[in-house]
Amino acid sequence: MIGRRALLVFALIAGVIAGASYWLDARRVPLVVAARPIEAESVLDDSDLGTMEVPADSVPADAIVDREAAVGQVVHGHLEAGQLLLRASFEAPPGFRSGLRPAAGWRAVALPVSPGFALGGAIVPGVRVDVVVVPVAGRAPPDRGPERFATGLLVLDVRSESGGPFVEPGSRQSSATLANARLGSVIVAVPADDDVLIAERIATSTFVLFRTR
């Protein structure tokens, strides 16, 4: 028969276990979050960051717990205010075949072009191009004329009409991939703030690319 002293010891142990379990359940961990909306390819400053406490058992494996670890990093995806920062946010997106990526604060965009408007199709990743925009009648405002849209843009990749990698006619791969043997678009790096303007020009204009001097 269990004595009263043993029962008291068991009760104390059970109380300690219950208290520890409650403390572990109630414990909250401060994690780093975006203090405001942050655009992709932004370099994070301390003013961009805040903290939010979450239950210890809800902390993602790659969550950022130290603000200093995030300051100066480039975030490669858009973040909303209050969104948790994950280490995956700092991982560079897969590069194009060339291995080139947009610099911080820049974005990749595909400009639809035909070979005759892109150096006859003799365009390769790594070169820099000037872009002239010619409005399409019936799409663009009638008072808009041709404009030099940008200079010295870096070509990140060249794609075919089918969306696959462009295979230049006459190359060793061209006979096996005829579907990719006609130029369809040239991917260039543009300032992130120009995204809306570029989207409007793509819908209303034709692009002509010149090799930058």
C-alpha atoms as a PDB file:
ATOM      1  CA  MET A   1       0.000   0.000   0.000  1.00  0.00           C
ATOM      2  CA  ILE A   2       1.435   3.336  -1.071  1.00  0.00           C
ATOM      3  CA  GLY A   3       2.166   5.662   1.826  1.00  0.00           C
ATOM      4  CA  ARG A   4       1.047   9.235   2.072  1.00  0.00           C
ATOM      5  CA  ARG A   5       4.604  10.480   1.593  1.00  0.00           C
ATOM      6  CA  ALA A   6       4.940   8.613  -1.715  1.00  0.00           C
ATOM      7  CA  LEU A   7       1.624  10.022  -2.911  1.00  0.00           C
ATOM      8  CA  LEU A   8       2.827  13.509  -2.074  1.00  0.00           C
ATOM      9  CA  VAL A   9       6.031  12.958  -4.072  1.00  0.00           C
ATOM     10  CA  PHE A  10       4.029  11.692  -7.059  1.00  0.00           C
ATOM     11  CA  ALA A  11       1.756  14.719  -6.824  1.00  0.00           C
ATOM     12  CA  LEU A  12       4.705  17.097  -6.789  1.00  0.00           C
ATOM     13  CA  ILE A  13       6.288  15.369  -9.811  1.00  0.00           C
ATOM     14  CA  ALA A  14       3.011  15.498 -11.710  1.00  0.00           C
ATOM     15  CA  GLY A  15       2.704  19.199 -10.885  1.00  0.00           C
ATOM     16  CA  VAL A  16       6.202  19.921 -12.157  1.00  0.00           C
ATOM     17  CA  ILE A  17       5.524  18.025 -15.396  1.00  0.00           C
ATOM     18  CA  ALA A  18       2.212  19.808 -15.895  1.00  0.00           C
ATOM     19  CA  GLY A  19       3.824  23.195 -15.239  1.00  0.00           C
ATOM     20  CA  ALA A  20       6.687  22.504 -17.638  1.00  0.00           C
ATOM     21  CA  SER A  21       4.273  21.355 -20.334  1.00  0.00           C
ATOM     22  CA  TYR A  22       2.181  24.501 -19.882  1.00  0.00           C
ATOM     23  CA  TRP A  23       5.282  26.694 -20.055  1.00  0.00           C
ATOM     24  CA  LEU A  24       6.476  24.993 -23.228  1.00  0.00           C
ATOM     25  CA  ASP A  25       3.032  25.355 -24.819  1.00  0.00           C
ATOM     26  CA  ALA A  26       2.790  29.022 -23.817  1.00  0.00           C
ATOM     27  CA  ARG A  27       6.383  29.941 -24.762  1.00  0.00           C
ATOM     28  CA  ARG A  28       6.573  32.309 -27.725  1.00  0.00           C
ATOM     29  CA  VAL A  29       9.541  33.023 -29.972  1.00  0.00           C
ATOM     30  CA  PRO A  30      10.190  36.399 -31.678  1.00  0.00           C
ATOM     31  CA  LEU A  31      10.686  35.979 -35.448  1.00  0.00           C
ATOM     32  CA  VAL A  32      11.747  38.549 -38.030  1.00  0.00           C
ATOM     33  CA  VAL A  33       8.998  39.831 -40.342  1.00  0.00           C
ATOM     34  CA  ALA A  34       8.658  42.489 -43.025  1.00  0.00           C
ATOM     35  CA  ALA A  35       7.714  45.805 -41.429  1.00  0.00           C
ATOM     36  CA  ARG A  36       6.199  47.059 -44.701  1.00  0.00           C
ATOM     37  CA  PRO A  37       5.619  45.802 -48.255  1.00  0.00           C
ATOM     38  CA  ILE A  38       9.003  44.994 -49.808  1.00  0.00           C
ATOM     39  CA  GLU A  39       9.583  44.588 -53.528  1.00  0.00           C
ATOM     40  CA  ALA A  40      11.544  41.679 -54.934  1.00  0.00           C
ATOM     41  CA  GLU A  41      15.292  42.204 -55.397  1.00  0.00           C
ATOM     42  CA  SER A  42      15.401  44.776 -52.573  1.00  0.00           C
ATOM     43  CA  VAL A  43      18.378  45.048 -50.220  1.00  0.00           C
ATOM     44  CA  LEU A  44      16.999  44.855 -46.699  1.00  0.00           C
ATOM     45  CA  ASP A  45      17.615  47.638 -44.208  1.00  0.00           C
ATOM     46  CA  ASP A  46      16.897  47.468 -40.485  1.00  0.00           C
ATOM     47  CA  SER A  47      13.929  49.803 -41.013  1.00  0.00           C
ATOM     48  CA  ASP A  48      12.392  47.181 -43.334  1.00  0.00           C
ATOM     49  CA  LEU A  49      12.221  44.667 -40.507  1.00  0.00           C
ATOM     50  CA  GLY A  50      10.035  44.010 -37.515  1.00  0.00           C
ATOM     51  CA  THR A  51       9.356  41.115 -35.164  1.00  0.00           C
ATOM     52  CA  MET A  52       6.361  38.953 -34.382  1.00  0.00           C
ATOM     53  CA  GLU A  53       6.023  36.419 -31.596  1.00  0.00           C
ATOM     54  CA  VAL A  54       4.700  32.982 -32.473  1.00  0.00           C
ATOM     55  CA  PRO A  55       4.260  29.782 -30.437  1.00  0.00           C
ATOM     56  CA  ALA A  56       7.480  27.821 -30.162  1.00  0.00           C
ATOM     57  CA  ASP A  57       5.937  24.773 -31.835  1.00  0.00           C
ATOM     58  CA  SER A  58       4.898  26.878 -34.862  1.00  0.00           C
ATOM     59  CA  VAL A  59       8.348  28.195 -35.824  1.00  0.00           C
ATOM     60  CA  PRO A  60       9.257  27.229 -39.440  1.00  0.00           C
ATOM     61  CA  ALA A  61      12.564  25.440 -39.772  1.00  0.00           C
ATOM     62  CA  ASP A  62      14.126  28.203 -41.900  1.00  0.00           C
ATOM     63  CA  ALA A  63      12.644  31.212 -40.080  1.00  0.00           C
ATOM     64  CA  ILE A  64      14.915  34.178 -39.353  1.00  0.00           C
ATOM     65  CA  VAL A  65      15.224  34.893 -35.631  1.00  0.00           C
ATOM     66  CA  ASP A  66      18.040  37.445 -35.754  1.00  0.00           C
ATOM     67  CA  ARG A  67      17.477  40.815 -37.470  1.00  0.00           C
ATOM     68  CA  GLU A  68      21.218  41.218 -38.023  1.00  0.00           C
ATOM     69  CA  ALA A  69      21.154  38.080 -40.172  1.00  0.00           C
ATOM     70  CA  ALA A  70      18.677  39.740 -42.535  1.00  0.00           C
ATOM     71  CA  VAL A  71      20.104  43.275 -42.811  1.00  0.00           C
ATOM     72  CA  GLY A  72      21.987  43.717 -46.089  1.00  0.00           C
ATOM     73  CA  GLN A  73      20.506  40.597 -47.658  1.00  0.00           C
ATOM     74  CA  VAL A  74      18.726  40.691 -51.023  1.00  0.00           C
ATOM     75  CA  VAL A  75      15.188  39.344 -50.886  1.00  0.00           C
ATOM     76  CA  HIS A  76      14.225  37.678 -54.172  1.00  0.00           C
ATOM     77  CA  GLY A  77      10.449  37.641 -53.737  1.00  0.00           C
ATOM     78  CA  HIS A  78       7.810  40.247 -52.870  1.00  0.00           C
ATOM     79  CA  LEU A  79       6.968  40.424 -49.170  1.00  0.00           C
ATOM     80  CA  GLU A  80       3.830  41.832 -47.601  1.00  0.00           C
ATOM     81  CA  ALA A  81       3.873  43.709 -44.301  1.00  0.00           C
ATOM     82  CA  GLY A  82       3.933  41.224 -41.437  1.00  0.00           C
ATOM     83  CA  GLN A  83       5.108  38.321 -43.601  1.00  0.00           C
ATOM     84  CA  LEU A  84       7.709  36.054 -42.023  1.00  0.00           C
ATOM     85  CA  LEU A  85      11.209  36.187 -43.465  1.00  0.00           C
ATOM     86  CA  LEU A  86      12.480  32.741 -44.409  1.00  0.00           C
ATOM     87  CA  ARG A  87      16.003  31.842 -45.434  1.00  0.00           C
ATOM     88  CA  ALA A  88      14.570  30.690 -48.750  1.00  0.00           C
ATOM     89  CA  SER A  89      13.724  34.352 -49.448  1.00  0.00           C
ATOM     90  CA  PHE A  90      17.449  35.033 -49.797  1.00  0.00           C
ATOM     91  CA  GLU A  91      18.183  32.159 -52.144  1.00  0.00           C
ATOM     92  CA  ALA A  92      18.774  33.406 -55.669  1.00  0.00           C
ATOM     93  CA  PRO A  93      16.248  32.173 -58.213  1.00  0.00           C
ATOM     94  CA  PRO A  94      17.458  29.697 -60.814  1.00  0.00           C
ATOM     95  CA  GLY A  95      19.496  31.426 -63.483  1.00  0.00           C
ATOM     96  CA  PHE A  96      18.881  31.224 -67.193  1.00  0.00           C
ATOM     97  CA  ARG A  97      20.943  28.979 -69.424  1.00  0.00           C
ATOM     98  CA  SER A  98      23.589  31.678 -69.478  1.00  0.00           C
ATOM     99  CA  GLY A  99      23.803  31.668 -65.682  1.00  0.00           C
ATOM    100  CA  LEU A 100      22.979  35.392 -65.707  1.00  0.00           C
ATOM    101  CA  ARG A 101      20.539  36.888 -63.207  1.00  0.00           C
ATOM    102  CA  PRO A 102      19.086  40.374 -62.754  1.00  0.00           C
ATOM    103  CA  ALA A 103      21.039  42.565 -60.371  1.00  0.00           C
ATOM    104  CA  ALA A 104      19.459  43.732 -57.107  1.00  0.00           C
ATOM    105  CA  GLY A 105      16.622  46.143 -57.859  1.00  0.00           C
ATOM    106  CA  TRP A 106      16.180  44.824 -61.415  1.00  0.00           C
ATOM    107  CA  ARG A 107      13.774  42.306 -62.939  1.00  0.00           C
ATOM    108  CA  ALA A 108      13.825  39.973 -65.909  1.00  0.00           C
ATOM    109  CA  VAL A 109      11.241  40.623 -68.618  1.00  0.00           C
ATOM    110  CA  ALA A 110      10.698  38.986 -72.000  1.00  0.00           C
ATOM    111  CA  LEU A 111      10.369  41.427 -74.884  1.00  0.00           C
ATOM    112  CA  PRO A 112       8.563  39.830 -77.850  1.00  0.00           C
ATOM    113  CA  VAL A 113      10.623  40.379 -80.991  1.00  0.00           C
ATOM    114  CA  SER A 114      10.995  38.878 -84.436  1.00  0.00           C
ATOM    115  CA  PRO A 115      14.446  38.124 -85.856  1.00  0.00           C
ATOM    116  CA  GLY A 116      14.356  41.160 -88.163  1.00  0.00           C
ATOM    117  CA  PHE A 117      13.997  43.469 -85.167  1.00  0.00           C
ATOM    118  CA  ALA A 118      16.679  41.797 -83.034  1.00  0.00           C
ATOM    119  CA  LEU A 119      19.939  41.921 -84.984  1.00  0.00           C
ATOM    120  CA  GLY A 120      18.558  39.431 -87.490  1.00  0.00           C
ATOM    121  CA  GLY A 121      18.352  36.846 -84.710  1.00  0.00           C
ATOM    122  CA  ALA A 122      22.084  37.082 -84.043  1.00  0.00           C
ATOM    123  CA  ILE A 123      21.602  37.981 -80.410  1.00  0.00           C
ATOM    124  CA  VAL A 124      23.019  36.077 -77.473  1.00  0.00           C
ATOM    125  CA  PRO A 125      22.919  36.328 -73.669  1.00  0.00           C
ATOM    126  CA  GLY A 126      25.477  38.684 -72.188  1.00  0.00           C
ATOM    127  CA  VAL A 127      25.320  41.420 -74.811  1.00  0.00           C
ATOM    128  CA  ARG A 128      23.811  44.818 -74.087  1.00  0.00           C
ATOM    129  CA  VAL A 129      21.123  46.336 -76.258  1.00  0.00           C
ATOM    130  CA  ASP A 130      19.344  49.630 -76.791  1.00  0.00           C
ATOM    131  CA  VAL A 131      15.567  49.300 -77.103  1.00  0.00           C
ATOM    132  CA  VAL A 132      13.460  51.445 -79.416  1.00  0.00           C
ATOM    133  CA  VAL A 133       9.680  51.189 -79.045  1.00  0.00           C
ATOM    134  CA  VAL A 134       7.470  51.714 -82.095  1.00  0.00           C
ATOM    135  CA  PRO A 135       3.737  52.142 -81.332  1.00  0.00           C
ATOM    136  CA  VAL A 136       1.282  49.842 -83.097  1.00  0.00           C
ATOM    137  CA  ALA A 137      -1.556  51.709 -84.842  1.00  0.00           C
ATOM    138  CA  GLY A 138      -4.860  51.073 -83.123  1.00  0.00           C
ATOM    139  CA  ARG A 139      -3.247  49.961 -79.871  1.00  0.00           C
ATOM    140  CA  ALA A 140      -1.089  52.868 -78.751  1.00  0.00           C
ATOM    141  CA  PRO A 141      -2.311  56.463 -78.249  1.00  0.00           C
ATOM    142  CA  PRO A 142      -2.386  58.257 -81.624  1.00  0.00           C
ATOM    143  CA  ASP A 143      -0.023  60.993 -80.459  1.00  0.00           C
ATOM    144  CA  ARG A 144       2.736  58.592 -79.454  1.00  0.00           C
ATOM    145  CA  GLY A 145       5.677  58.172 -81.795  1.00  0.00           C
ATOM    146  CA  PRO A 146       8.746  55.935 -81.776  1.00  0.00           C
ATOM    147  CA  GLU A 147      10.835  56.383 -78.625  1.00  0.00           C
ATOM    148  CA  ARG A 148      14.202  55.242 -77.362  1.00  0.00           C
ATOM    149  CA  PHE A 149      12.964  53.252 -74.423  1.00  0.00           C
ATOM    150  CA  ALA A 150      16.212  52.156 -72.784  1.00  0.00           C
ATOM    151  CA  THR A 151      19.933  51.872 -73.403  1.00  0.00           C
ATOM    152  CA  GLY A 152      22.483  49.300 -72.356  1.00  0.00           C
ATOM    153  CA  LEU A 153      20.074  46.628 -71.130  1.00  0.00           C
ATOM    154  CA  LEU A 154      21.713  43.275 -70.355  1.00  0.00           C
ATOM    155  CA  VAL A 155      20.371  40.307 -72.342  1.00  0.00           C
ATOM    156  CA  LEU A 156      19.790  37.449 -69.892  1.00  0.00           C
ATOM    157  CA  ASP A 157      18.415  34.847 -72.304  1.00  0.00           C
ATOM    158  CA  VAL A 158      16.950  34.337 -75.764  1.00  0.00           C
ATOM    159  CA  ARG A 159      13.793  32.257 -76.225  1.00  0.00           C
ATOM    160  CA  SER A 160      12.044  30.681 -79.199  1.00  0.00           C
ATOM    161  CA  GLU A 161       8.470  31.224 -80.378  1.00  0.00           C
ATOM    162  CA  SER A 162       7.459  28.057 -78.553  1.00  0.00           C
ATOM    163  CA  GLY A 163       8.922  29.364 -75.297  1.00  0.00           C
ATOM    164  CA  GLY A 164      11.824  26.934 -75.261  1.00  0.00           C
ATOM    165  CA  PRO A 165      15.519  27.772 -75.533  1.00  0.00           C
ATOM    166  CA  PHE A 166      16.258  29.460 -78.856  1.00  0.00           C
ATOM    167  CA  VAL A 167      18.393  27.293 -81.118  1.00  0.00           C
ATOM    168  CA  GLU A 168      20.069  29.358 -83.790  1.00  0.00           C
ATOM    169  CA  PRO A 169      19.443  27.969 -87.305  1.00  0.00           C
ATOM    170  CA  GLY A 170      22.503  26.241 -88.682  1.00  0.00           C
ATOM    171  CA  SER A 171      23.775  25.171 -85.287  1.00  0.00           C
ATOM    172  CA  ARG A 172      24.393  21.507 -84.474  1.00  0.00           C
ATOM    173  CA  GLN A 173      21.229  21.379 -82.343  1.00  0.00           C
ATOM    174  CA  SER A 174      18.889  23.010 -84.848  1.00  0.00           C
ATOM    175  CA  SER A 175      18.007  19.877 -86.831  1.00  0.00           C
ATOM    176  CA  ALA A 176      16.852  18.105 -83.685  1.00  0.00           C
ATOM    177  CA  THR A 177      14.842  21.006 -82.302  1.00  0.00           C
ATOM    178  CA  LEU A 178      13.126  22.683 -85.227  1.00  0.00           C
ATOM    179  CA  ALA A 179      10.327  23.916 -82.964  1.00  0.00           C
ATOM    180  CA  ASN A 180      12.857  26.144 -81.172  1.00  0.00           C
ATOM    181  CA  ALA A 181      14.624  27.423 -84.269  1.00  0.00           C
ATOM    182  CA  ARG A 182      12.711  30.709 -84.606  1.00  0.00           C
ATOM    183  CA  LEU A 183      13.339  33.630 -82.286  1.00  0.00           C
ATOM    184  CA  GLY A 184      10.336  34.667 -80.187  1.00  0.00           C
ATOM    185  CA  SER A 185      11.548  36.839 -77.325  1.00  0.00           C
ATOM    186  CA  VAL A 186      14.613  38.351 -75.760  1.00  0.00           C
ATOM    187  CA  ILE A 187      14.811  38.441 -71.957  1.00  0.00           C
ATOM    188  CA  VAL A 188      16.449  41.575 -70.594  1.00  0.00           C
ATOM    189  CA  ALA A 189      17.042  43.028 -67.137  1.00  0.00           C
ATOM    190  CA  VAL A 190      15.046  46.189 -66.441  1.00  0.00           C
ATOM    191  CA  PRO A 191      14.654  48.428 -63.373  1.00  0.00           C
ATOM    192  CA  ALA A 192      11.969  47.009 -61.082  1.00  0.00           C
ATOM    193  CA  ASP A 193      10.164  50.375 -60.960  1.00  0.00           C
ATOM    194  CA  ASP A 194       9.540  50.238 -64.733  1.00  0.00           C
ATOM    195  CA  ASP A 195       7.386  47.089 -64.633  1.00  0.00           C
ATOM    196  CA  VAL A 196       4.015  48.786 -65.274  1.00  0.00           C
ATOM    197  CA  LEU A 197       5.404  50.968 -68.068  1.00  0.00           C
ATOM    198  CA  ILE A 198       7.001  47.965 -69.760  1.00  0.00           C
ATOM    199  CA  ALA A 199       3.790  45.942 -69.499  1.00  0.00           C
ATOM    200  CA  GLU A 200       1.906  48.773 -71.247  1.00  0.00           C
ATOM    201  CA  ARG A 201       4.495  49.016 -74.032  1.00  0.00           C
ATOM    202  CA  ILE A 202       4.440  45.250 -74.601  1.00  0.00           C
ATOM    203  CA  ALA A 203       0.679  45.433 -75.167  1.00  0.00           C
ATOM    204  CA  THR A 204       0.803  48.432 -77.514  1.00  0.00           C
ATOM    205  CA  SER A 205       4.149  48.433 -79.279  1.00  0.00           C
ATOM    206  CA  THR A 206       6.792  46.682 -81.327  1.00  0.00           C
ATOM    207  CA  PHE A 207      10.332  46.462 -79.992  1.00  0.00           C
ATOM    208  CA  VAL A 208      13.461  47.019 -82.065  1.00  0.00           C
ATOM    209  CA  LEU A 209      16.790  46.047 -80.511  1.00  0.00           C
ATOM    210  CA  PHE A 210      20.142  47.586 -81.386  1.00  0.00           C
ATOM    211  CA  ARG A 211      23.533  46.430 -80.163  1.00  0.00           C
ATOM    212  CA  THR A 212      24.781  48.968 -77.623  1.00  0.00           C
ATOM    213  CA  ARG A 213      27.913  50.722 -78.807  1.00  0.00           C
END
